[in-house]
Amino acid sequence: MADWGPVFTAVMLFILLSPGLLIQIPGRSRYIEFSNFHTSGVSILVHSVLYFAFMCIFLLAIGVHVYIGS
């Protein structure tokens, strides 16, 4: 049995935390901007730190596990 929890968690967080797709921290004119499809080096750094923190929380602290199969 394969544990698909880390894979699903990583893919969903990658989609949700892509800078400029749904949210961008920090934005160009405001601290938080929504759906602007722009990015900067600082926002890439902030989003990658958030991605790492959420991955650690979901996989190590909470322990998300998804088993598929018989």
PDB file of N, CA and C in Angstrom:
ATOM      1  N   MET A   1       0.831  -1.182   0.000  1.00  0.00           N
ATOM      2  CA  MET A   1       0.000   0.000   0.000  1.00  0.00           C
ATOM      3  C   MET A   1       0.875   1.245   0.000  1.00  0.00           C
ATOM      4  N   ALA A   2       0.556   2.135  -0.873  1.00  0.00           N
ATOM      5  CA  ALA A   2       1.317   3.374  -0.977  1.00  0.00           C
ATOM      6  C   ALA A   2       0.597   4.480  -0.217  1.00  0.00           C
ATOM      7  N   ASP A   3       1.359   5.320   0.441  1.00  0.00           N
ATOM      8  CA  ASP A   3       0.811   6.457   1.170  1.00  0.00           C
ATOM      9  C   ASP A   3       0.814   7.664   0.237  1.00  0.00           C
ATOM     10  N   TRP A   4      -0.378   8.090  -0.188  1.00  0.00           N
ATOM     11  CA  TRP A   4      -0.518   9.203  -1.117  1.00  0.00           C
ATOM     12  C   TRP A   4      -0.753  10.528  -0.415  1.00  0.00           C
ATOM     13  N   GLY A   5      -0.779  10.564   0.899  1.00  0.00           N
ATOM     14  CA  GLY A   5      -1.008  11.792   1.650  1.00  0.00           C
ATOM     15  C   GLY A   5       0.001  12.886   1.359  1.00  0.00           C
ATOM     16  N   PRO A   6       1.311  12.585   1.408  1.00  0.00           N
ATOM     17  CA  PRO A   6       2.294  13.620   1.096  1.00  0.00           C
ATOM     18  C   PRO A   6       2.191  14.156  -0.330  1.00  0.00           C
ATOM     19  N   VAL A   7       1.842  13.281  -1.277  1.00  0.00           N
ATOM     20  CA  VAL A   7       1.726  13.710  -2.673  1.00  0.00           C
ATOM     21  C   VAL A   7       0.555  14.669  -2.844  1.00  0.00           C
ATOM     22  N   PHE A   8      -0.616  14.290  -2.325  1.00  0.00           N
ATOM     23  CA  PHE A   8      -1.786  15.157  -2.431  1.00  0.00           C
ATOM     24  C   PHE A   8      -1.578  16.475  -1.697  1.00  0.00           C
ATOM     25  N   THR A   9      -0.981  16.405  -0.515  1.00  0.00           N
ATOM     26  CA  THR A   9      -0.729  17.625   0.246  1.00  0.00           C
ATOM     27  C   THR A   9       0.223  18.548  -0.495  1.00  0.00           C
ATOM     28  N   ALA A  10       1.290  18.008  -1.058  1.00  0.00           N
ATOM     29  CA  ALA A  10       2.266  18.823  -1.779  1.00  0.00           C
ATOM     30  C   ALA A  10       1.648  19.469  -3.019  1.00  0.00           C
ATOM     31  N   VAL A  11       0.859  18.722  -3.768  1.00  0.00           N
ATOM     32  CA  VAL A  11       0.245  19.260  -4.986  1.00  0.00           C
ATOM     33  C   VAL A  11      -0.767  20.355  -4.654  1.00  0.00           C
ATOM     34  N   MET A  12      -1.618  20.118  -3.661  1.00  0.00           N
ATOM     35  CA  MET A  12      -2.629  21.115  -3.314  1.00  0.00           C
ATOM     36  C   MET A  12      -1.988  22.389  -2.758  1.00  0.00           C
ATOM     37  N   LEU A  13      -0.970  22.259  -1.915  1.00  0.00           N
ATOM     38  CA  LEU A  13      -0.296  23.443  -1.393  1.00  0.00           C
ATOM     39  C   LEU A  13       0.461  24.182  -2.492  1.00  0.00           C
ATOM     40  N   PHE A  14       1.043  23.446  -3.435  1.00  0.00           N
ATOM     41  CA  PHE A  14       1.744  24.093  -4.538  1.00  0.00           C
ATOM     42  C   PHE A  14       0.786  24.927  -5.382  1.00  0.00           C
ATOM     43  N   ILE A  15      -0.400  24.393  -5.646  1.00  0.00           N
ATOM     44  CA  ILE A  15      -1.392  25.130  -6.425  1.00  0.00           C
ATOM     45  C   ILE A  15      -1.900  26.342  -5.648  1.00  0.00           C
ATOM     46  N   LEU A  16      -2.221  26.149  -4.380  1.00  0.00           N
ATOM     47  CA  LEU A  16      -2.780  27.240  -3.584  1.00  0.00           C
ATOM     48  C   LEU A  16      -1.762  28.326  -3.259  1.00  0.00           C
ATOM     49  N   LEU A  17      -0.478  27.962  -3.126  1.00  0.00           N
ATOM     50  CA  LEU A  17       0.531  28.928  -2.720  1.00  0.00           C
ATOM     51  C   LEU A  17       1.415  29.413  -3.869  1.00  0.00           C
ATOM     52  N   SER A  18       0.999  29.202  -5.101  1.00  0.00           N
ATOM     53  CA  SER A  18       1.745  29.757  -6.225  1.00  0.00           C
ATOM     54  C   SER A  18       1.594  31.273  -6.208  1.00  0.00           C
ATOM     55  N   PRO A  19       2.703  32.016  -6.168  1.00  0.00           N
ATOM     56  CA  PRO A  19       2.604  33.475  -6.049  1.00  0.00           C
ATOM     57  C   PRO A  19       1.868  34.096  -7.234  1.00  0.00           C
ATOM     58  N   GLY A  20       0.852  34.888  -6.943  1.00  0.00           N
ATOM     59  CA  GLY A  20       0.114  35.588  -7.977  1.00  0.00           C
ATOM     60  C   GLY A  20      -1.080  34.846  -8.518  1.00  0.00           C
ATOM     61  N   LEU A  21      -1.194  33.554  -8.261  1.00  0.00           N
ATOM     62  CA  LEU A  21      -2.320  32.793  -8.791  1.00  0.00           C
ATOM     63  C   LEU A  21      -3.592  33.102  -8.013  1.00  0.00           C
ATOM     64  N   LEU A  22      -3.628  32.799  -6.740  1.00  0.00           N
ATOM     65  CA  LEU A  22      -4.774  33.139  -5.903  1.00  0.00           C
ATOM     66  C   LEU A  22      -4.482  34.317  -4.991  1.00  0.00           C
ATOM     67  N   ILE A  23      -3.272  34.341  -4.439  1.00  0.00           N
ATOM     68  CA  ILE A  23      -2.899  35.372  -3.486  1.00  0.00           C
ATOM     69  C   ILE A  23      -1.411  35.669  -3.653  1.00  0.00           C
ATOM     70  N   GLN A  24      -1.027  36.900  -3.386  1.00  0.00           N
ATOM     71  CA  GLN A  24       0.387  37.275  -3.428  1.00  0.00           C
ATOM     72  C   GLN A  24       0.717  38.088  -2.191  1.00  0.00           C
ATOM     73  N   ILE A  25       1.700  37.604  -1.438  1.00  0.00           N
ATOM     74  CA  ILE A  25       2.186  38.288  -0.236  1.00  0.00           C
ATOM     75  C   ILE A  25       3.667  38.535  -0.422  1.00  0.00           C
ATOM     76  N   PRO A  26       4.234  39.669  -0.370  1.00  0.00           N
ATOM     77  CA  PRO A  26       3.632  40.997  -0.447  1.00  0.00           C
ATOM     78  C   PRO A  26       3.298  41.339  -1.894  1.00  0.00           C
ATOM     79  N   GLY A  27       2.274  42.136  -2.064  1.00  0.00           N
ATOM     80  CA  GLY A  27       1.854  42.557  -3.396  1.00  0.00           C
ATOM     81  C   GLY A  27       2.663  43.747  -3.880  1.00  0.00           C
ATOM     82  N   ARG A  28       2.313  44.250  -5.033  1.00  0.00           N
ATOM     83  CA  ARG A  28       3.034  45.398  -5.595  1.00  0.00           C
ATOM     84  C   ARG A  28       2.640  46.703  -4.921  1.00  0.00           C
ATOM     85  N   SER A  29       1.333  46.906  -4.707  1.00  0.00           N
ATOM     86  CA  SER A  29       0.883  48.161  -4.114  1.00  0.00           C
ATOM     87  C   SER A  29       0.321  47.986  -2.708  1.00  0.00           C
ATOM     88  N   ARG A  30      -0.102  46.780  -2.350  1.00  0.00           N
ATOM     89  CA  ARG A  30      -0.638  46.489  -1.015  1.00  0.00           C
ATOM     90  C   ARG A  30       0.106  45.299  -0.431  1.00  0.00           C
ATOM     91  N   TYR A  31      -0.126  45.035   0.843  1.00  0.00           N
ATOM     92  CA  TYR A  31       0.551  43.915   1.491  1.00  0.00           C
ATOM     93  C   TYR A  31       0.068  42.582   0.934  1.00  0.00           C
ATOM     94  N   ILE A  32      -1.238  42.457   0.717  1.00  0.00           N
ATOM     95  CA  ILE A  32      -1.816  41.242   0.146  1.00  0.00           C
ATOM     96  C   ILE A  32      -2.626  41.627  -1.076  1.00  0.00           C
ATOM     97  N   GLU A  33      -2.380  40.945  -2.191  1.00  0.00           N
ATOM     98  CA  GLU A  33      -3.166  41.144  -3.412  1.00  0.00           C
ATOM     99  C   GLU A  33      -3.719  39.805  -3.858  1.00  0.00           C
ATOM    100  N   PHE A  34      -4.882  39.830  -4.471  1.00  0.00           N
ATOM    101  CA  PHE A  34      -5.559  38.621  -4.904  1.00  0.00           C
ATOM    102  C   PHE A  34      -5.618  38.564  -6.428  1.00  0.00           C
ATOM    103  N   SER A  35      -5.262  37.418  -7.003  1.00  0.00           N
ATOM    104  CA  SER A  35      -5.397  37.104  -8.431  1.00  0.00           C
ATOM    105  C   SER A  35      -4.842  38.185  -9.345  1.00  0.00           C
ATOM    106  N   ASN A  36      -3.591  38.572  -9.150  1.00  0.00           N
ATOM    107  CA  ASN A  36      -3.025  39.606 -10.015  1.00  0.00           C
ATOM    108  C   ASN A  36      -2.085  39.026 -11.073  1.00  0.00           C
ATOM    109  N   PHE A  37      -1.710  37.756 -10.990  1.00  0.00           N
ATOM    110  CA  PHE A  37      -0.858  37.049 -11.950  1.00  0.00           C
ATOM    111  C   PHE A  37       0.500  37.712 -12.150  1.00  0.00           C
ATOM    112  N   HIS A  38       0.979  38.425 -11.141  1.00  0.00           N
ATOM    113  CA  HIS A  38       2.327  38.987 -11.140  1.00  0.00           C
ATOM    114  C   HIS A  38       3.084  38.393  -9.968  1.00  0.00           C
ATOM    115  N   THR A  39       4.396  38.461 -10.016  1.00  0.00           N
ATOM    116  CA  THR A  39       5.200  37.939  -8.923  1.00  0.00           C
ATOM    117  C   THR A  39       6.488  38.737  -8.816  1.00  0.00           C
ATOM    118  N   SER A  40       7.173  38.566  -7.713  1.00  0.00           N
ATOM    119  CA  SER A  40       8.461  39.210  -7.496  1.00  0.00           C
ATOM    120  C   SER A  40       9.334  38.249  -6.705  1.00  0.00           C
ATOM    121  N   GLY A  41      10.581  38.581  -6.573  1.00  0.00           N
ATOM    122  CA  GLY A  41      11.500  37.723  -5.841  1.00  0.00           C
ATOM    123  C   GLY A  41      11.138  37.590  -4.372  1.00  0.00           C
ATOM    124  N   VAL A  42      10.685  38.688  -3.786  1.00  0.00           N
ATOM    125  CA  VAL A  42      10.301  38.668  -2.370  1.00  0.00           C
ATOM    126  C   VAL A  42       9.071  37.793  -2.161  1.00  0.00           C
ATOM    127  N   SER A  43       8.096  37.891  -3.062  1.00  0.00           N
ATOM    128  CA  SER A  43       6.891  37.070  -2.904  1.00  0.00           C
ATOM    129  C   SER A  43       7.201  35.587  -3.132  1.00  0.00           C
ATOM    130  N   ILE A  44       8.135  35.274  -4.012  1.00  0.00           N
ATOM    131  CA  ILE A  44       8.543  33.876  -4.195  1.00  0.00           C
ATOM    132  C   ILE A  44       9.184  33.350  -2.923  1.00  0.00           C
ATOM    133  N   LEU A  45      10.013  34.156  -2.287  1.00  0.00           N
ATOM    134  CA  LEU A  45      10.643  33.751  -1.032  1.00  0.00           C
ATOM    135  C   LEU A  45       9.612  33.549   0.075  1.00  0.00           C
ATOM    136  N   VAL A  46       8.668  34.474   0.206  1.00  0.00           N
ATOM    137  CA  VAL A  46       7.633  34.360   1.240  1.00  0.00           C
ATOM    138  C   VAL A  46       6.770  33.132   1.007  1.00  0.00           C
ATOM    139  N   HIS A  47       6.355  32.894  -0.230  1.00  0.00           N
ATOM    140  CA  HIS A  47       5.503  31.757  -0.538  1.00  0.00           C
ATOM    141  C   HIS A  47       6.245  30.431  -0.365  1.00  0.00           C
ATOM    142  N   SER A  48       7.538  30.390  -0.661  1.00  0.00           N
ATOM    143  CA  SER A  48       8.286  29.145  -0.464  1.00  0.00           C
ATOM    144  C   SER A  48       8.484  28.848   1.025  1.00  0.00           C
ATOM    145  N   VAL A  49       8.672  29.868   1.850  1.00  0.00           N
ATOM    146  CA  VAL A  49       8.767  29.657   3.298  1.00  0.00           C
ATOM    147  C   VAL A  49       7.418  29.179   3.847  1.00  0.00           C
ATOM    148  N   LEU A  50       6.317  29.776   3.374  1.00  0.00           N
ATOM    149  CA  LEU A  50       4.989  29.320   3.791  1.00  0.00           C
ATOM    150  C   LEU A  50       4.729  27.876   3.344  1.00  0.00           C
ATOM    151  N   TYR A  51       5.141  27.529   2.126  1.00  0.00           N
ATOM    152  CA  TYR A  51       4.976  26.172   1.614  1.00  0.00           C
ATOM    153  C   TYR A  51       5.726  25.175   2.494  1.00  0.00           C
ATOM    154  N   PHE A  52       6.971  25.479   2.837  1.00  0.00           N
ATOM    155  CA  PHE A  52       7.766  24.597   3.685  1.00  0.00           C
ATOM    156  C   PHE A  52       7.133  24.457   5.068  1.00  0.00           C
ATOM    157  N   ALA A  53       6.657  25.565   5.633  1.00  0.00           N
ATOM    158  CA  ALA A  53       6.047  25.520   6.964  1.00  0.00           C
ATOM    159  C   ALA A  53       4.767  24.687   6.957  1.00  0.00           C
ATOM    160  N   PHE A  54       3.913  24.888   5.963  1.00  0.00           N
ATOM    161  CA  PHE A  54       2.672  24.116   5.899  1.00  0.00           C
ATOM    162  C   PHE A  54       2.939  22.636   5.623  1.00  0.00           C
ATOM    163  N   MET A  55       3.927  22.324   4.795  1.00  0.00           N
ATOM    164  CA  MET A  55       4.273  20.925   4.555  1.00  0.00           C
ATOM    165  C   MET A  55       4.747  20.261   5.845  1.00  0.00           C
ATOM    166  N   CYS A  56       5.566  20.949   6.617  1.00  0.00           N
ATOM    167  CA  CYS A  56       6.027  20.395   7.892  1.00  0.00           C
ATOM    168  C   CYS A  56       4.864  20.192   8.855  1.00  0.00           C
ATOM    169  N   ILE A  57       3.958  21.147   8.904  1.00  0.00           N
ATOM    170  CA  ILE A  57       2.814  21.019   9.809  1.00  0.00           C
ATOM    171  C   ILE A  57       1.927  19.850   9.395  1.00  0.00           C
ATOM    172  N   PHE A  58       1.569  19.772   8.107  1.00  0.00           N
ATOM    173  CA  PHE A  58       0.649  18.738   7.664  1.00  0.00           C
ATOM    174  C   PHE A  58       1.259  17.342   7.682  1.00  0.00           C
ATOM    175  N   LEU A  59       2.535  17.218   7.356  1.00  0.00           N
ATOM    176  CA  LEU A  59       3.127  15.888   7.258  1.00  0.00           C
ATOM    177  C   LEU A  59       3.766  15.413   8.556  1.00  0.00           C
ATOM    178  N   LEU A  60       4.408  16.297   9.286  1.00  0.00           N
ATOM    179  CA  LEU A  60       5.096  15.873  10.498  1.00  0.00           C
ATOM    180  C   LEU A  60       4.221  16.012  11.749  1.00  0.00           C
ATOM    181  N   ALA A  61       3.587  17.148  11.917  1.00  0.00           N
ATOM    182  CA  ALA A  61       2.814  17.381  13.140  1.00  0.00           C
ATOM    183  C   ALA A  61       1.453  16.691  13.101  1.00  0.00           C
ATOM    184  N   ILE A  62       0.717  16.862  12.014  1.00  0.00           N
ATOM    185  CA  ILE A  62      -0.611  16.270  11.913  1.00  0.00           C
ATOM    186  C   ILE A  62      -0.535  14.834  11.407  1.00  0.00           C
ATOM    187  N   GLY A  63       0.326  14.574  10.454  1.00  0.00           N
ATOM    188  CA  GLY A  63       0.485  13.224   9.919  1.00  0.00           C
ATOM    189  C   GLY A  63      -0.617  12.834   8.953  1.00  0.00           C
ATOM    190  N   VAL A  64      -0.725  13.548   7.847  1.00  0.00           N
ATOM    191  CA  VAL A  64      -1.742  13.260   6.839  1.00  0.00           C
ATOM    192  C   VAL A  64      -1.359  11.986   6.085  1.00  0.00           C
ATOM    193  N   HIS A  65      -2.294  11.034   6.050  1.00  0.00           N
ATOM    194  CA  HIS A  65      -2.069   9.775   5.336  1.00  0.00           C
ATOM    195  C   HIS A  65      -3.304   9.452   4.491  1.00  0.00           C
ATOM    196  N   VAL A  66      -3.076   9.069   3.244  1.00  0.00           N
ATOM    197  CA  VAL A  66      -4.143   8.649   2.340  1.00  0.00           C
ATOM    198  C   VAL A  66      -3.688   7.354   1.688  1.00  0.00           C
ATOM    199  N   TYR A  67      -4.432   6.274   1.929  1.00  0.00           N
ATOM    200  CA  TYR A  67      -4.098   4.985   1.340  1.00  0.00           C
ATOM    201  C   TYR A  67      -5.139   4.636   0.299  1.00  0.00           C
ATOM    202  N   ILE A  68      -4.673   4.307  -0.914  1.00  0.00           N
ATOM    203  CA  ILE A  68      -5.558   3.948  -2.007  1.00  0.00           C
ATOM    204  C   ILE A  68      -5.243   2.515  -2.425  1.00  0.00           C
ATOM    205  N   GLY A  69      -6.233   1.737  -2.603  1.00  0.00           N
ATOM    206  CA  GLY A  69      -6.019   0.361  -3.045  1.00  0.00           C
ATOM    207  C   GLY A  69      -6.823  -0.614  -2.208  1.00  0.00           C
ATOM    208  N   SER A  70      -6.593  -1.852  -2.484  1.00  0.00           N
ATOM    209  CA  SER A  70      -7.349  -2.883  -1.762  1.00  0.00           C
ATOM    210  C   SER A  70      -6.591  -3.468  -0.616  1.00  0.00           C
TER     211      SER A  70
END
